[in-house]
């Protein structure tokens, strides 16, 4: 199944996010503790002015919602309490799908 992960950061975590950004990117590419999760797309979301990072969006493939929740929680940002709100939704991938 495919899932979208919509995250809004907690207020005041800009420096913490910046400090952990490289670790988070590495985690997206290599997460041996979650072999059943494949990250297809991901990136930061920005405020309306296009400047400040306010969260992130991921598109992942996983066996279950529980697997995605665990993957997000175990991420460097998740462990550092960067995330304020996390919404995970089952997603029907219709356009731009690989294969």
PDB file of N, CA and C in Angstrom:
ATOM      1  N   UNK A   1       0.843  -1.179   0.000  1.00  0.00           N
ATOM      2  CA  UNK A   1       0.000   0.000   0.000  1.00  0.00           C
ATOM      3  C   UNK A   1       0.886   1.241   0.000  1.00  0.00           C
ATOM      4  N   UNK A   2       0.328   2.299  -0.560  1.00  0.00           N
ATOM      5  CA  UNK A   2       1.023   3.584  -0.545  1.00  0.00           C
ATOM      6  C   UNK A   2       0.395   4.482   0.518  1.00  0.00           C
ATOM      7  N   UNK A   3       1.246   5.334   1.079  1.00  0.00           N
ATOM      8  CA  UNK A   3       0.800   6.268   2.108  1.00  0.00           C
ATOM      9  C   UNK A   3       1.426   7.630   1.859  1.00  0.00           C
ATOM     10  N   UNK A   4       0.701   8.674   2.229  1.00  0.00           N
ATOM     11  CA  UNK A   4       1.284  10.010   2.307  1.00  0.00           C
ATOM     12  C   UNK A   4       1.447  10.345   3.782  1.00  0.00           C
ATOM     13  N   UNK A   5       2.531  11.037   4.071  1.00  0.00           N
ATOM     14  CA  UNK A   5       2.818  11.484   5.435  1.00  0.00           C
ATOM     15  C   UNK A   5       2.931  13.000   5.381  1.00  0.00           C
ATOM     16  N   UNK A   6       2.017  13.684   6.047  1.00  0.00           N
ATOM     17  CA  UNK A   6       2.017  15.139   6.122  1.00  0.00           C
ATOM     18  C   UNK A   6       2.439  15.529   7.532  1.00  0.00           C
ATOM     19  N   UNK A   7       3.503  16.301   7.643  1.00  0.00           N
ATOM     20  CA  UNK A   7       4.012  16.688   8.952  1.00  0.00           C
ATOM     21  C   UNK A   7       4.067  18.208   9.058  1.00  0.00           C
ATOM     22  N   UNK A   8       3.637  18.728  10.189  1.00  0.00           N
ATOM     23  CA  UNK A   8       3.837  20.124  10.541  1.00  0.00           C
ATOM     24  C   UNK A   8       4.753  20.144  11.751  1.00  0.00           C
ATOM     25  N   UNK A   9       5.833  20.918  11.654  1.00  0.00           N
ATOM     26  CA  UNK A   9       6.794  20.996  12.755  1.00  0.00           C
ATOM     27  C   UNK A   9       6.217  21.753  13.945  1.00  0.00           C
ATOM     28  N   UNK A  10       6.743  21.426  15.115  1.00  0.00           N
ATOM     29  CA  UNK A  10       6.412  22.193  16.309  1.00  0.00           C
ATOM     30  C   UNK A  10       7.039  23.582  16.165  1.00  0.00           C
ATOM     31  N   UNK A  11       6.468  24.596  16.767  1.00  0.00           N
ATOM     32  CA  UNK A  11       7.092  25.915  16.747  1.00  0.00           C
ATOM     33  C   UNK A  11       8.445  25.882  17.458  1.00  0.00           C
ATOM     34  N   UNK A  12       9.395  26.656  16.949  1.00  0.00           N
ATOM     35  CA  UNK A  12      10.675  26.829  17.617  1.00  0.00           C
ATOM     36  C   UNK A  12      11.687  25.722  17.389  1.00  0.00           C
ATOM     37  N   UNK A  13      11.497  24.883  16.363  1.00  0.00           N
ATOM     38  CA  UNK A  13      12.427  23.765  16.143  1.00  0.00           C
ATOM     39  C   UNK A  13      13.328  23.983  14.921  1.00  0.00           C
ATOM     40  N   UNK A  14      13.402  25.206  14.438  1.00  0.00           N
ATOM     41  CA  UNK A  14      14.162  25.489  13.220  1.00  0.00           C
ATOM     42  C   UNK A  14      15.616  25.044  13.331  1.00  0.00           C
ATOM     43  N   UNK A  15      16.278  25.384  14.412  1.00  0.00           N
ATOM     44  CA  UNK A  15      17.688  25.014  14.561  1.00  0.00           C
ATOM     45  C   UNK A  15      17.851  23.508  14.719  1.00  0.00           C
ATOM     46  N   UNK A  16      16.975  22.897  15.507  1.00  0.00           N
ATOM     47  CA  UNK A  16      17.034  21.453  15.706  1.00  0.00           C
ATOM     48  C   UNK A  16      16.845  20.731  14.372  1.00  0.00           C
ATOM     49  N   UNK A  17      15.882  21.193  13.567  1.00  0.00           N
ATOM     50  CA  UNK A  17      15.638  20.613  12.245  1.00  0.00           C
ATOM     51  C   UNK A  17      16.887  20.742  11.383  1.00  0.00           C
ATOM     52  N   UNK A  18      17.472  21.913  11.385  1.00  0.00           N
ATOM     53  CA  UNK A  18      18.676  22.155  10.591  1.00  0.00           C
ATOM     54  C   UNK A  18      19.816  21.237  11.028  1.00  0.00           C
ATOM     55  N   UNK A  19      19.991  21.088  12.324  1.00  0.00           N
ATOM     56  CA  UNK A  19      21.065  20.243  12.862  1.00  0.00           C
ATOM     57  C   UNK A  19      20.895  18.778  12.469  1.00  0.00           C
ATOM     58  N   UNK A  20      19.645  18.326  12.341  1.00  0.00           N
ATOM     59  CA  UNK A  20      19.360  16.914  12.069  1.00  0.00           C
ATOM     60  C   UNK A  20      19.057  16.606  10.609  1.00  0.00           C
ATOM     61  N   UNK A  21      19.081  17.615   9.759  1.00  0.00           N
ATOM     62  CA  UNK A  21      18.650  17.438   8.369  1.00  0.00           C
ATOM     63  C   UNK A  21      19.437  16.350   7.641  1.00  0.00           C
ATOM     64  N   UNK A  22      20.759  16.352   7.745  1.00  0.00           N
ATOM     65  CA  UNK A  22      21.558  15.334   7.059  1.00  0.00           C
ATOM     66  C   UNK A  22      21.257  13.934   7.589  1.00  0.00           C
ATOM     67  N   UNK A  23      21.082  13.817   8.899  1.00  0.00           N
ATOM     68  CA  UNK A  23      20.746  12.515   9.492  1.00  0.00           C
ATOM     69  C   UNK A  23      19.380  12.034   9.003  1.00  0.00           C
ATOM     70  N   UNK A  24      18.431  12.956   8.899  1.00  0.00           N
ATOM     71  CA  UNK A  24      17.096  12.583   8.431  1.00  0.00           C
ATOM     72  C   UNK A  24      17.144  12.128   6.978  1.00  0.00           C
ATOM     73  N   UNK A  25      17.861  12.854   6.147  1.00  0.00           N
ATOM     74  CA  UNK A  25      17.994  12.460   4.736  1.00  0.00           C
ATOM     75  C   UNK A  25      18.640  11.081   4.608  1.00  0.00           C
ATOM     76  N   UNK A  26      19.664  10.820   5.395  1.00  0.00           N
ATOM     77  CA  UNK A  26      20.316   9.505   5.370  1.00  0.00           C
ATOM     78  C   UNK A  26      19.319   8.422   5.797  1.00  0.00           C
ATOM     79  N   UNK A  27      18.509   8.714   6.802  1.00  0.00           N
ATOM     80  CA  UNK A  27      17.497   7.770   7.283  1.00  0.00           C
ATOM     81  C   UNK A  27      16.485   7.442   6.189  1.00  0.00           C
ATOM     82  N   UNK A  28      16.093   8.438   5.419  1.00  0.00           N
ATOM     83  CA  UNK A  28      15.135   8.186   4.338  1.00  0.00           C
ATOM     84  C   UNK A  28      15.696   7.205   3.318  1.00  0.00           C
ATOM     85  N   UNK A  29      17.017   7.249   3.099  1.00  0.00           N
ATOM     86  CA  UNK A  29      17.660   6.360   2.130  1.00  0.00           C
ATOM     87  C   UNK A  29      17.975   4.985   2.713  1.00  0.00           C
ATOM     88  N   UNK A  30      18.255   4.921   4.003  1.00  0.00           N
ATOM     89  CA  UNK A  30      18.704   3.678   4.615  1.00  0.00           C
ATOM     90  C   UNK A  30      18.127   3.552   6.020  1.00  0.00           C
ATOM     91  N   UNK A  31      17.175   2.660   6.170  1.00  0.00           N
ATOM     92  CA  UNK A  31      16.485   2.468   7.449  1.00  0.00           C
ATOM     93  C   UNK A  31      16.306   0.967   7.693  1.00  0.00           C
ATOM     94  N   UNK A  32      17.406   0.283   8.055  1.00  0.00           N
ATOM     95  CA  UNK A  32      17.360  -1.167   8.201  1.00  0.00           C
ATOM     96  C   UNK A  32      16.372  -1.665   9.257  1.00  0.00           C
ATOM     97  N   UNK A  33      16.018  -0.830  10.186  1.00  0.00           N
ATOM     98  CA  UNK A  33      15.033  -1.221  11.195  1.00  0.00           C
ATOM     99  C   UNK A  33      13.615  -1.276  10.658  1.00  0.00           C
ATOM    100  N   UNK A  34      13.433  -0.811   9.421  1.00  0.00           N
ATOM    101  CA  UNK A  34      12.102  -0.770   8.796  1.00  0.00           C
ATOM    102  C   UNK A  34      12.201  -1.256   7.353  1.00  0.00           C
ATOM    103  N   UNK A  35      12.543  -2.535   7.180  1.00  0.00           N
ATOM    104  CA  UNK A  35      12.744  -3.049   5.817  1.00  0.00           C
ATOM    105  C   UNK A  35      11.470  -3.093   4.982  1.00  0.00           C
ATOM    106  N   UNK A  36      10.316  -3.000   5.637  1.00  0.00           N
ATOM    107  CA  UNK A  36       9.051  -3.049   4.915  1.00  0.00           C
ATOM    108  C   UNK A  36       8.552  -1.674   4.474  1.00  0.00           C
ATOM    109  N   UNK A  37       9.385  -0.637   4.622  1.00  0.00           N
ATOM    110  CA  UNK A  37       9.018   0.718   4.204  1.00  0.00           C
ATOM    111  C   UNK A  37       9.948   1.163   3.080  1.00  0.00           C
ATOM    112  N   UNK A  38       9.336   1.612   1.976  1.00  0.00           N
ATOM    113  CA  UNK A  38      10.086   2.159   0.844  1.00  0.00           C
ATOM    114  C   UNK A  38       9.688   3.620   0.685  1.00  0.00           C
ATOM    115  N   UNK A  39      10.662   4.516   0.713  1.00  0.00           N
ATOM    116  CA  UNK A  39      10.387   5.940   0.532  1.00  0.00           C
ATOM    117  C   UNK A  39      10.506   6.254  -0.956  1.00  0.00           C
ATOM    118  N   UNK A  40       9.408   6.737  -1.540  1.00  0.00           N
ATOM    119  CA  UNK A  40       9.394   7.067  -2.968  1.00  0.00           C
ATOM    120  C   UNK A  40       9.687   8.546  -3.211  1.00  0.00           C
ATOM    121  N   UNK A  41       9.099   9.401  -2.420  1.00  0.00           N
ATOM    122  CA  UNK A  41       9.277  10.845  -2.577  1.00  0.00           C
ATOM    123  C   UNK A  41       9.286  11.494  -1.202  1.00  0.00           C
ATOM    124  N   UNK A  42       9.958  12.620  -1.100  1.00  0.00           N
ATOM    125  CA  UNK A  42       9.926  13.342   0.154  1.00  0.00           C
ATOM    126  C   UNK A  42      10.567  14.702   0.022  1.00  0.00           C
ATOM    127  N   UNK A  43      10.171  15.593   0.884  1.00  0.00           N
ATOM    128  CA  UNK A  43      10.773  16.907   0.906  1.00  0.00           C
ATOM    129  C   UNK A  43      10.105  17.816   1.907  1.00  0.00           C
ATOM    130  N   UNK A  44      10.798  18.884   2.196  1.00  0.00           N
ATOM    131  CA  UNK A  44      10.305  19.879   3.142  1.00  0.00           C
ATOM    132  C   UNK A  44       9.134  20.643   2.541  1.00  0.00           C
ATOM    133  N   UNK A  45       8.230  21.065   3.395  1.00  0.00           N
ATOM    134  CA  UNK A  45       7.185  21.998   2.992  1.00  0.00           C
ATOM    135  C   UNK A  45       7.528  23.347   3.615  1.00  0.00           C
ATOM    136  N   UNK A  46       7.110  24.398   2.933  1.00  0.00           N
ATOM    137  CA  UNK A  46       7.489  25.747   3.345  1.00  0.00           C
ATOM    138  C   UNK A  46       6.264  26.600   3.638  1.00  0.00           C
ATOM    139  N   UNK A  47       6.495  27.653   4.385  1.00  0.00           N
ATOM    140  CA  UNK A  47       5.446  28.627   4.698  1.00  0.00           C
ATOM    141  C   UNK A  47       4.975  29.297   3.409  1.00  0.00           C
ATOM    142  N   UNK A  48       3.871  29.997   3.479  1.00  0.00           N
ATOM    143  CA  UNK A  48       3.288  30.643   2.303  1.00  0.00           C
ATOM    144  C   UNK A  48       4.257  31.589   1.615  1.00  0.00           C
ATOM    145  N   UNK A  49       5.189  32.185   2.364  1.00  0.00           N
ATOM    146  CA  UNK A  49       6.156  33.096   1.761  1.00  0.00           C
ATOM    147  C   UNK A  49       7.261  32.342   1.002  1.00  0.00           C
ATOM    148  N   UNK A  50       7.259  31.004   1.104  1.00  0.00           N
ATOM    149  CA  UNK A  50       8.240  30.189   0.409  1.00  0.00           C
ATOM    150  C   UNK A  50       9.591  30.135   1.078  1.00  0.00           C
ATOM    151  N   UNK A  51       9.717  30.739   2.227  1.00  0.00           N
ATOM    152  CA  UNK A  51      11.015  30.835   2.887  1.00  0.00           C
ATOM    153  C   UNK A  51      11.178  29.804   3.997  1.00  0.00           C
ATOM    154  N   UNK A  52      10.466  29.944   5.061  1.00  0.00           N
ATOM    155  CA  UNK A  52      10.651  29.104   6.247  1.00  0.00           C
ATOM    156  C   UNK A  52      10.127  27.684   6.023  1.00  0.00           C
ATOM    157  N   UNK A  53      10.903  26.678   6.431  1.00  0.00           N
ATOM    158  CA  UNK A  53      10.451  25.296   6.412  1.00  0.00           C
ATOM    159  C   UNK A  53       9.503  25.098   7.589  1.00  0.00           C
ATOM    160  N   UNK A  54       8.335  24.509   7.298  1.00  0.00           N
ATOM    161  CA  UNK A  54       7.323  24.323   8.335  1.00  0.00           C
ATOM    162  C   UNK A  54       6.935  22.857   8.540  1.00  0.00           C
ATOM    163  N   UNK A  55       7.504  21.955   7.744  1.00  0.00           N
ATOM    164  CA  UNK A  55       7.153  20.547   7.876  1.00  0.00           C
ATOM    165  C   UNK A  55       7.720  19.740   6.743  1.00  0.00           C
ATOM    166  N   UNK A  56       7.057  18.632   6.433  1.00  0.00           N
ATOM    167  CA  UNK A  56       7.512  17.794   5.331  1.00  0.00           C
ATOM    168  C   UNK A  56       6.377  16.947   4.793  1.00  0.00           C
ATOM    169  N   UNK A  57       6.622  16.416   3.595  1.00  0.00           N
ATOM    170  CA  UNK A  57       5.691  15.513   2.932  1.00  0.00           C
ATOM    171  C   UNK A  57       6.485  14.313   2.454  1.00  0.00           C
ATOM    172  N   UNK A  58       5.982  13.124   2.714  1.00  0.00           N
ATOM    173  CA  UNK A  58       6.595  11.894   2.225  1.00  0.00           C
ATOM    174  C   UNK A  58       5.544  11.062   1.498  1.00  0.00           C
ATOM    175  N   UNK A  59       5.987  10.328   0.493  1.00  0.00           N
ATOM    176  CA  UNK A  59       5.181   9.288  -0.133  1.00  0.00           C
ATOM    177  C   UNK A  59       5.950   8.000   0.083  1.00  0.00           C
ATOM    178  N   UNK A  60       5.323   7.060   0.777  1.00  0.00           N
ATOM    179  CA  UNK A  60       5.993   5.806   1.109  1.00  0.00           C
ATOM    180  C   UNK A  60       5.112   4.620   0.722  1.00  0.00           C
ATOM    181  N   UNK A  61       5.775   3.495   0.573  1.00  0.00           N
ATOM    182  CA  UNK A  61       5.093   2.232   0.352  1.00  0.00           C
ATOM    183  C   UNK A  61       5.410   1.361   1.566  1.00  0.00           C
ATOM    184  N   UNK A  62       4.377   0.742   2.131  1.00  0.00           N
ATOM    185  CA  UNK A  62       4.586  -0.053   3.335  1.00  0.00           C
ATOM    186  C   UNK A  62       3.486  -1.102   3.457  1.00  0.00           C
ATOM    187  N   UNK A  63       3.738  -2.042   4.341  1.00  0.00           N
ATOM    188  CA  UNK A  63       2.787  -3.131   4.550  1.00  0.00           C
ATOM    189  C   UNK A  63       1.559  -2.711   5.348  1.00  0.00           C
ATOM    190  N   UNK A  64       1.696  -1.654   6.154  1.00  0.00           N
ATOM    191  CA  UNK A  64       0.577  -1.248   7.011  1.00  0.00           C
ATOM    192  C   UNK A  64       0.772   0.176   7.528  1.00  0.00           C
ATOM    193  N   UNK A  65      -0.305   0.733   8.037  1.00  0.00           N
ATOM    194  CA  UNK A  65      -0.258   2.040   8.683  1.00  0.00           C
ATOM    195  C   UNK A  65       0.667   1.999   9.898  1.00  0.00           C
ATOM    196  N   UNK A  66       0.609   0.918  10.650  1.00  0.00           N
ATOM    197  CA  UNK A  66       1.476   0.777  11.823  1.00  0.00           C
ATOM    198  C   UNK A  66       2.949   0.835  11.438  1.00  0.00           C
ATOM    199  N   UNK A  67       3.308   0.238  10.304  1.00  0.00           N
ATOM    200  CA  UNK A  67       4.699   0.261   9.845  1.00  0.00           C
ATOM    201  C   UNK A  67       5.140   1.684   9.529  1.00  0.00           C
ATOM    202  N   UNK A  68       4.256   2.460   8.916  1.00  0.00           N
ATOM    203  CA  UNK A  68       4.588   3.853   8.592  1.00  0.00           C
ATOM    204  C   UNK A  68       4.707   4.678   9.863  1.00  0.00           C
ATOM    205  N   UNK A  69       3.802   4.487  10.802  1.00  0.00           N
ATOM    206  CA  UNK A  69       3.863   5.220  12.069  1.00  0.00           C
ATOM    207  C   UNK A  69       5.173   4.938  12.799  1.00  0.00           C
ATOM    208  N   UNK A  70       5.587   3.690  12.830  1.00  0.00           N
ATOM    209  CA  UNK A  70       6.839   3.335  13.489  1.00  0.00           C
ATOM    210  C   UNK A  70       8.034   3.942  12.761  1.00  0.00           C
ATOM    211  N   UNK A  71       8.006   3.919  11.434  1.00  0.00           N
ATOM    212  CA  UNK A  71       9.073   4.504  10.622  1.00  0.00           C
ATOM    213  C   UNK A  71       9.231   5.995  10.915  1.00  0.00           C
ATOM    214  N   UNK A  72       8.126   6.716  10.948  1.00  0.00           N
ATOM    215  CA  UNK A  72       8.152   8.158  11.213  1.00  0.00           C
ATOM    216  C   UNK A  72       8.636   8.430  12.642  1.00  0.00           C
ATOM    217  N   UNK A  73       8.143   7.688  13.594  1.00  0.00           N
ATOM    218  CA  UNK A  73       8.538   7.882  14.996  1.00  0.00           C
ATOM    219  C   UNK A  73      10.018   7.611  15.223  1.00  0.00           C
ATOM    220  N   UNK A  74      10.566   6.626  14.519  1.00  0.00           N
ATOM    221  CA  UNK A  74      11.971   6.248  14.690  1.00  0.00           C
ATOM    222  C   UNK A  74      12.944   7.137  13.915  1.00  0.00           C
ATOM    223  N   UNK A  75      12.436   8.048  13.112  1.00  0.00           N
ATOM    224  CA  UNK A  75      13.308   8.936  12.333  1.00  0.00           C
ATOM    225  C   UNK A  75      14.048   9.900  13.269  1.00  0.00           C
ATOM    226  N   UNK A  76      15.162  10.461  12.815  1.00  0.00           N
ATOM    227  CA  UNK A  76      15.864  11.453  13.647  1.00  0.00           C
ATOM    228  C   UNK A  76      14.971  12.623  14.068  1.00  0.00           C
ATOM    229  N   UNK A  77      14.118  13.097  13.170  1.00  0.00           N
ATOM    230  CA  UNK A  77      13.201  14.180  13.535  1.00  0.00           C
ATOM    231  C   UNK A  77      12.164  13.695  14.540  1.00  0.00           C
ATOM    232  N   UNK A  78      11.660  12.491  14.346  1.00  0.00           N
ATOM    233  CA  UNK A  78      10.674  11.929  15.261  1.00  0.00           C
ATOM    234  C   UNK A  78      11.234  11.762  16.662  1.00  0.00           C
ATOM    235  N   UNK A  79      12.439  11.223  16.755  1.00  0.00           N
ATOM    236  CA  UNK A  79      13.073  11.005  18.060  1.00  0.00           C
ATOM    237  C   UNK A  79      13.430  12.312  18.755  1.00  0.00           C
ATOM    238  N   UNK A  80      13.696  13.365  17.969  1.00  0.00           N
ATOM    239  CA  UNK A  80      14.073  14.664  18.541  1.00  0.00           C
ATOM    240  C   UNK A  80      12.862  15.554  18.809  1.00  0.00           C
ATOM    241  N   UNK A  81      11.660  15.032  18.605  1.00  0.00           N
ATOM    242  CA  UNK A  81      10.426  15.767  18.884  1.00  0.00           C
ATOM    243  C   UNK A  81      10.290  17.034  18.034  1.00  0.00           C
ATOM    244  N   UNK A  82      10.719  16.935  16.775  1.00  0.00           N
ATOM    245  CA  UNK A  82      10.568  18.049  15.836  1.00  0.00           C
ATOM    246  C   UNK A  82       9.116  18.158  15.363  1.00  0.00           C
ATOM    247  N   UNK A  83       8.446  17.033  15.239  1.00  0.00           N
ATOM    248  CA  UNK A  83       7.108  17.007  14.657  1.00  0.00           C
ATOM    249  C   UNK A  83       6.037  17.448  15.639  1.00  0.00           C
ATOM    250  N   UNK A  84       5.181  18.372  15.182  1.00  0.00           N
ATOM    251  CA  UNK A  84       4.043  18.791  15.976  1.00  0.00           C
ATOM    252  C   UNK A  84       2.828  17.966  15.630  1.00  0.00           C
ATOM    253  N   UNK A  85       2.479  17.944  14.358  1.00  0.00           N
ATOM    254  CA  UNK A  85       1.312  17.195  13.891  1.00  0.00           C
ATOM    255  C   UNK A  85       1.756  16.269  12.769  1.00  0.00           C
ATOM    256  N   UNK A  86       1.307  15.031  12.834  1.00  0.00           N
ATOM    257  CA  UNK A  86       1.610  14.048  11.802  1.00  0.00           C
ATOM    258  C   UNK A  86       0.302  13.428  11.340  1.00  0.00           C
ATOM    259  N   UNK A  87       0.063  13.494  10.030  1.00  0.00           N
ATOM    260  CA  UNK A  87      -1.100  12.836   9.441  1.00  0.00           C
ATOM    261  C   UNK A  87      -0.591  11.830   8.419  1.00  0.00           C
ATOM    262  N   UNK A  88      -1.023  10.594   8.562  1.00  0.00           N
ATOM    263  CA  UNK A  88      -0.656   9.540   7.625  1.00  0.00           C
ATOM    264  C   UNK A  88      -1.946   9.032   6.996  1.00  0.00           C
ATOM    265  N   UNK A  89      -1.939   9.004   5.667  1.00  0.00           N
ATOM    266  CA  UNK A  89      -3.150   8.595   4.951  1.00  0.00           C
ATOM    267  C   UNK A  89      -2.800   7.557   3.891  1.00  0.00           C
ATOM    268  N   UNK A  90      -3.697   6.581   3.721  1.00  0.00           N
ATOM    269  CA  UNK A  90      -3.569   5.663   2.599  1.00  0.00           C
ATOM    270  C   UNK A  90      -3.768   6.484   1.333  1.00  0.00           C
ATOM    271  N   UNK A  91      -2.954   6.182   0.317  1.00  0.00           N
ATOM    272  CA  UNK A  91      -2.971   6.997  -0.896  1.00  0.00           C
ATOM    273  C   UNK A  91      -3.088   6.107  -2.116  1.00  0.00           C
ATOM    274  N   UNK A  92      -3.958   6.469  -3.030  1.00  0.00           N
ATOM    275  CA  UNK A  92      -4.102   5.766  -4.302  1.00  0.00           C
ATOM    276  C   UNK A  92      -3.290   6.499  -5.360  1.00  0.00           C
ATOM    277  N   UNK A  93      -2.135   5.980  -5.645  1.00  0.00           N
ATOM    278  CA  UNK A  93      -1.211   6.591  -6.594  1.00  0.00           C
ATOM    279  C   UNK A  93      -1.740   6.382  -8.002  1.00  0.00           C
ATOM    280  N   UNK A  94      -2.062   7.484  -8.688  1.00  0.00           N
ATOM    281  CA  UNK A  94      -2.670   7.379 -10.012  1.00  0.00           C
ATOM    282  C   UNK A  94      -1.787   7.903 -11.135  1.00  0.00           C
ATOM    283  N   UNK A  95      -1.074   8.988 -10.940  1.00  0.00           N
ATOM    284  CA  UNK A  95      -0.258   9.537 -12.028  1.00  0.00           C
ATOM    285  C   UNK A  95       1.202   9.601 -11.609  1.00  0.00           C
ATOM    286  N   UNK A  96       2.083   9.467 -12.594  1.00  0.00           N
ATOM    287  CA  UNK A  96       3.508   9.538 -12.328  1.00  0.00           C
ATOM    288  C   UNK A  96       4.046   8.328 -11.588  1.00  0.00           C
ATOM    289  N   UNK A  97       3.278   7.282 -11.564  1.00  0.00           N
ATOM    290  CA  UNK A  97       3.660   6.073 -10.822  1.00  0.00           C
ATOM    291  C   UNK A  97       4.765   5.315 -11.554  1.00  0.00           C
ATOM    292  N   UNK A  98       5.802   4.893 -10.817  1.00  0.00           N
ATOM    293  CA  UNK A  98       6.867   4.132 -11.455  1.00  0.00           C
ATOM    294  C   UNK A  98       6.389   2.750 -11.889  1.00  0.00           C
ATOM    295  N   UNK A  99       6.983   2.256 -12.960  1.00  0.00           N
ATOM    296  CA  UNK A  99       6.684   0.903 -13.424  1.00  0.00           C
ATOM    297  C   UNK A  99       5.388   0.843 -14.111  1.00  0.00           C
TER     298      UNK A  99
END
